[in-house]
Protein backbone atom coordinates (compact mmCIF):
# COMPACT_ATOMS: atom_id res chain seq x y z
CA UNK A 1 -41.29 -56.33 350.55
CA UNK A 2 -37.71 -57.62 350.80
CA UNK A 3 -35.88 -58.03 354.11
CA UNK A 4 -32.41 -59.51 354.51
CA UNK A 5 -29.92 -59.67 357.38
CA UNK A 6 -26.40 -60.61 356.38
CA UNK A 7 -25.70 -62.92 353.48
CA UNK A 8 -24.86 -62.23 349.86
CA UNK A 9 -27.07 -61.30 346.90
CA UNK A 10 -24.97 -61.99 343.82
CA UNK A 11 -26.88 -59.87 341.29
CA UNK A 12 -29.10 -56.78 341.10
CA UNK A 13 -32.08 -55.90 343.25
CA UNK A 14 -34.71 -54.17 341.12
CA UNK A 15 -38.42 -53.67 340.71
CA UNK A 16 -40.39 -53.25 337.49
CA UNK A 17 -41.41 -49.73 336.56
CA UNK A 18 -45.11 -49.08 337.26
CA UNK A 19 -45.16 -52.20 339.40
CA UNK A 20 -46.07 -50.18 342.48
CA UNK A 21 -44.03 -49.01 345.49
CA UNK A 22 -41.82 -51.54 347.26
CA UNK A 23 -40.05 -51.68 350.62
CA UNK A 24 -36.49 -53.04 350.96
CA UNK A 25 -34.55 -53.44 354.21
CA UNK A 26 -31.00 -54.81 354.15
CA UNK A 27 -28.77 -55.21 357.22
CA UNK A 28 -25.16 -56.23 356.71
CA UNK A 29 -25.87 -57.73 353.28
CA UNK A 30 -23.45 -57.72 350.32
CA UNK A 31 -25.02 -57.03 346.90
CA UNK A 32 -23.01 -57.87 343.80
CA UNK A 33 -24.92 -55.50 341.50
CA UNK A 34 -27.23 -52.46 341.68
CA UNK A 35 -30.31 -51.53 343.68
CA UNK A 36 -32.81 -49.91 341.31
CA UNK A 37 -36.32 -48.95 342.50
CA UNK A 38 -37.81 -46.70 339.76
CA UNK A 39 -41.36 -46.38 341.12
CA UNK A 40 -42.62 -43.57 343.34
CA UNK A 41 -43.09 -43.87 347.12
CA UNK A 42 -40.59 -46.69 347.62
CA UNK A 43 -38.75 -47.17 350.93
CA UNK A 44 -35.13 -48.34 350.94
CA UNK A 45 -33.27 -48.82 354.25
CA UNK A 46 -29.64 -49.96 354.12
CA UNK A 47 -27.46 -50.60 357.19
CA UNK A 48 -23.85 -51.75 356.98
CA UNK A 49 -24.23 -53.04 353.44
CA UNK A 50 -21.70 -53.40 350.63
CA UNK A 51 -23.16 -52.49 347.22
CA UNK A 52 -20.92 -53.12 344.22
CA UNK A 53 -23.07 -50.96 341.92
CA UNK A 54 -25.33 -47.94 342.36
CA UNK A 55 -28.43 -47.21 344.44
CA UNK A 56 -31.37 -45.44 342.72
CA UNK A 57 -34.84 -44.71 344.04
CA UNK A 58 -37.84 -43.14 342.30
CA UNK A 59 -39.85 -39.95 342.98
CA UNK A 60 -41.19 -39.30 346.48
CA UNK A 61 -39.22 -42.24 347.87
CA UNK A 62 -37.40 -42.56 351.19
CA UNK A 63 -33.76 -43.63 351.25
CA UNK A 64 -31.76 -44.19 354.46
CA UNK A 65 -28.14 -45.45 354.38
CA UNK A 66 -26.29 -46.10 357.64
CA UNK A 67 -22.66 -47.20 357.42
CA UNK A 68 -21.43 -49.57 354.74
CA UNK A 69 -19.99 -48.94 351.28
CA UNK A 70 -21.72 -47.92 348.04
CA UNK A 71 -19.13 -48.27 345.28
CA UNK A 72 -20.99 -46.21 342.67
CA UNK A 73 -23.60 -43.40 342.62
CA UNK A 74 -26.53 -42.75 344.93
CA UNK A 75 -29.47 -41.19 343.07
CA UNK A 76 -32.89 -40.06 344.22
CA UNK A 77 -35.27 -38.82 341.53
CA UNK A 78 -37.51 -35.75 341.49
CA UNK A 79 -39.07 -34.87 344.83
CA UNK A 80 -37.54 -37.57 347.03
CA UNK A 81 -39.32 -37.56 350.39
CA UNK A 82 -36.19 -38.03 352.53
CA UNK A 83 -32.57 -39.01 351.89
CA UNK A 84 -30.29 -39.72 354.84
CA UNK A 85 -26.68 -40.92 354.63
CA UNK A 86 -25.07 -41.61 358.00
CA UNK A 87 -21.43 -42.71 358.12
CA UNK A 88 -21.48 -44.45 354.74
CA UNK A 89 -18.79 -44.42 352.04
CA UNK A 90 -20.00 -43.49 348.56
CA UNK A 91 -17.52 -44.08 345.74
CA UNK A 92 -19.46 -42.05 343.16
CA UNK A 93 -21.69 -39.00 343.28
CA UNK A 94 -24.83 -38.32 345.31
CA UNK A 95 -27.65 -36.86 343.18
CA UNK A 96 -30.85 -35.74 344.88
CA UNK A 97 -33.37 -33.81 342.76
CA UNK A 98 -35.41 -31.27 344.73
CA UNK A 99 -35.67 -33.39 347.83
CA UNK A 100 -37.54 -32.00 350.77
CA UNK A 101 -35.24 -33.55 353.38
CA UNK A 102 -31.62 -34.41 352.76
CA UNK A 103 -29.15 -35.19 355.53
CA UNK A 104 -25.58 -36.45 355.41
CA UNK A 105 -23.96 -37.20 358.77
CA UNK A 106 -20.35 -38.34 358.68
CA UNK A 107 -20.80 -39.51 355.10
CA UNK A 108 -17.82 -39.85 352.81
CA UNK A 109 -18.74 -38.45 349.39
CA UNK A 110 -15.20 -38.52 348.08
CA UNK A 111 -13.52 -39.65 344.89
CA UNK A 112 -10.80 -41.35 346.94
CA UNK A 113 -13.16 -44.25 347.55
CA UNK A 114 -13.02 -45.07 343.83
CA UNK A 115 -9.28 -45.87 344.02
CA UNK A 116 -8.67 -49.53 343.11
CA UNK A 117 -12.47 -50.01 342.97
CA UNK A 118 -12.60 -51.47 339.43
CA UNK A 119 -11.36 -54.96 340.30
CA UNK A 120 -12.94 -58.19 341.50
CA UNK A 121 -16.30 -57.65 343.16
CA UNK A 122 -16.68 -58.52 346.83
CA UNK A 123 -18.70 -61.69 346.15
CA UNK A 124 -16.30 -63.08 343.51
CA UNK A 125 -15.32 -66.56 344.76
CA UNK A 126 -13.17 -67.43 341.70
CA UNK A 127 -13.32 -71.23 342.18
CA UNK A 128 -16.16 -73.25 343.69
CA UNK A 129 -16.94 -76.95 343.76
CA UNK A 130 -19.57 -79.34 345.07
CA UNK A 131 -19.76 -83.13 345.44
CA UNK A 132 -23.04 -84.88 346.22
CA UNK A 133 -23.72 -88.54 346.94
CA UNK A 134 -26.74 -90.53 348.13
CA UNK A 135 -27.33 -94.15 349.15
CA UNK A 136 -30.43 -96.10 350.10
CA UNK A 137 -29.92 -99.35 351.99
CA UNK A 138 -31.95 -102.43 351.06
CA UNK A 139 -35.11 -103.12 353.00
CA UNK A 140 -33.43 -106.05 354.77
CA UNK A 141 -31.12 -103.47 356.40
CA UNK A 142 -33.96 -101.18 357.36
CA UNK A 143 -34.12 -99.08 354.16
CA UNK A 144 -32.32 -96.12 355.71
CA UNK A 145 -30.98 -93.36 353.44
CA UNK A 146 -27.66 -91.52 353.57
CA UNK A 147 -27.01 -88.24 351.73
CA UNK A 148 -23.73 -86.32 351.68
CA UNK A 149 -22.86 -82.88 350.31
CA UNK A 150 -19.37 -81.34 350.34
CA UNK A 151 -18.68 -77.76 349.17
CA UNK A 152 -15.48 -75.86 348.39
CA UNK A 153 -15.47 -72.06 348.13
CA UNK A 154 -12.54 -69.75 347.48
CA UNK A 155 -12.26 -67.02 350.09
CA UNK A 156 -13.90 -63.60 349.81
CA UNK A 157 -11.71 -60.97 348.17
CA UNK A 158 -10.78 -57.73 349.91
CA UNK A 159 -8.39 -54.80 349.62
CA UNK A 160 -6.20 -53.42 352.36
CA UNK A 161 -7.90 -50.27 353.66
CA UNK A 162 -6.25 -47.15 355.06
CA UNK A 163 -8.25 -45.07 357.54
CA UNK A 164 -7.70 -41.38 356.83
CA UNK A 165 -8.56 -38.93 359.61
CA UNK A 166 -8.09 -35.27 360.45
CA UNK A 167 -9.59 -33.84 357.25
CA UNK A 168 -12.58 -31.45 357.08
CA UNK A 169 -14.85 -34.01 355.40
CA UNK A 170 -14.37 -36.47 358.25
CA UNK A 171 -12.76 -39.92 358.40
CA UNK A 172 -12.86 -42.20 355.39
CA UNK A 173 -11.24 -45.36 354.05
CA UNK A 174 -9.02 -45.57 350.96
CA UNK A 175 -8.10 -48.86 349.31
CA UNK A 176 -4.30 -49.22 349.23
CA UNK A 177 -4.34 -52.38 347.09
CA UNK A 178 -6.59 -53.81 344.44
CA UNK A 179 -9.42 -56.05 345.57
CA UNK A 180 -8.68 -59.70 344.87
CA UNK A 181 -5.91 -62.22 344.53
CA UNK A 182 -3.54 -62.93 342.75
CA UNK A 183 -3.86 -59.44 341.26
CA UNK A 184 -2.03 -57.94 344.24
CA UNK A 185 -4.86 -57.73 346.71
CA UNK A 186 -6.06 -60.21 349.29
CA UNK A 187 -8.48 -63.09 349.67
CA UNK A 188 -9.78 -64.59 352.91
CA UNK A 189 -9.26 -68.24 353.75
CA UNK A 190 -11.03 -70.82 351.60
CA UNK A 191 -13.99 -72.69 353.08
CA UNK A 192 -14.70 -76.43 352.99
CA UNK A 193 -18.02 -77.62 354.35
CA UNK A 194 -19.24 -81.24 354.54
CA UNK A 195 -22.84 -81.98 355.59
CA UNK A 196 -24.22 -85.47 356.16
CA UNK A 197 -27.83 -86.69 356.50
CA UNK A 198 -29.12 -90.06 357.68
CA UNK A 199 -32.86 -90.73 357.53
CA UNK A 200 -35.27 -93.63 357.91
CA UNK A 201 -38.99 -94.03 357.35
CA UNK A 202 -41.27 -95.91 359.70
CA UNK A 203 -44.75 -97.07 358.80
CA UNK A 204 -47.34 -96.34 361.48
CA UNK A 205 -51.10 -97.02 361.52
CA UNK A 206 -52.06 -93.43 360.76
CA UNK A 207 -49.42 -92.47 358.20
CA UNK A 208 -45.65 -92.48 357.88
CA UNK A 209 -42.95 -91.10 360.19
CA UNK A 210 -39.50 -90.10 358.94
CA UNK A 211 -36.65 -89.55 361.38
CA UNK A 212 -33.83 -87.36 360.05
CA UNK A 213 -30.40 -86.69 361.57
CA UNK A 214 -28.28 -83.94 359.97
CA UNK A 215 -24.62 -83.48 360.86
CA UNK A 216 -23.52 -80.02 359.71
CA UNK A 217 -19.81 -79.28 359.21
CA UNK A 218 -18.84 -82.91 359.83
CA UNK A 219 -15.08 -82.22 359.98
CA UNK A 220 -15.64 -79.25 362.34
CA UNK A 221 -13.70 -76.90 360.05
CA UNK A 222 -13.06 -73.43 361.47
CA UNK A 223 -11.93 -71.44 358.44
CA UNK A 224 -11.66 -67.65 358.51
CA UNK A 225 -14.57 -66.63 356.28
CA UNK A 226 -13.80 -62.91 356.56
CA UNK A 227 -10.61 -61.19 357.69
CA UNK A 228 -9.82 -57.72 358.97
CA UNK A 229 -8.98 -55.40 356.07
CA UNK A 230 -7.93 -52.32 358.10
CA UNK A 231 -4.30 -51.33 357.60
CA UNK A 232 -2.37 -51.64 360.89
CA UNK A 233 0.73 -53.38 362.33
CA UNK A 234 -1.43 -56.49 362.83
CA UNK A 235 -2.74 -56.62 359.25
CA UNK A 236 -0.43 -59.48 358.21
CA UNK A 237 -1.76 -61.59 361.09
CA UNK A 238 -4.96 -61.96 359.01
CA UNK A 239 -7.16 -61.63 362.07
CA UNK A 240 -10.61 -63.16 361.52
CA UNK A 241 -13.80 -61.12 361.55
CA UNK A 242 -16.06 -64.10 360.82
CA UNK A 243 -15.35 -67.79 361.46
CA UNK A 244 -17.10 -70.84 360.03
CA UNK A 245 -19.82 -72.14 362.37
CA UNK A 246 -18.75 -75.25 364.33
CA UNK A 247 -20.06 -78.79 363.91
CA UNK A 248 -23.69 -79.21 364.91
CA UNK A 249 -26.29 -81.98 364.91
CA UNK A 250 -29.95 -81.45 364.00
CA UNK A 251 -32.71 -83.97 364.69
CA UNK A 252 -35.93 -83.69 362.66
CA UNK A 253 -39.18 -85.60 362.45
CA UNK A 254 -41.44 -85.63 359.38
CA UNK A 255 -44.97 -86.99 359.67
CA UNK A 256 -47.02 -87.76 356.54
CA UNK A 257 -50.70 -88.60 356.76
């Protein structure tokens, strides 16, 4: 079983053939590759996800897609138990072989979603960097330890999206630019994150106690991790959809015996 809420999976999600049925539930997760579940009687539930590749499930499987974007095909093999697509955008075709229960509510099965789709994938950061450092004080100073980690990430790429309404197939989004920068598309604000840890061990009669203080986002950066991509008069304001979490302090105790 795989469950994920939010976050990014940079590569494929797959199961080995004849490995037995699996259950996958993703909510608001971005997947940089495909979802491929070849075995029978699998269950795949996707809500508000972004899948750069295709989604395939095996015979007698259940597939439910609510919202989100599937950039390539959706396929359910012979005798799928139930396939439901509710308000999702599918850039390729939907192939369901002799399914007993197929429903598509507000789904966009339209070739327009493939416009400008063959560019940088959603999770392509372009440039990343990390610096790590650690120091242990001499015992005369108490033997405390200091660890520091600083990360740099380029912003997430996105394309400007146009909402098309008033057509028989229902509303859908069309990319008006390529996805990525500097190719002509867009990229959200870069992110810098610095985390610091200070710890010290204390010997006690029945073991050892370690006190740990973590300072997360030391500089209290508030970068725009994700920006609105919907075409409107306010598009150039680069309004944030997700902002970097603020500075926080975490106190931990570790007892060894």
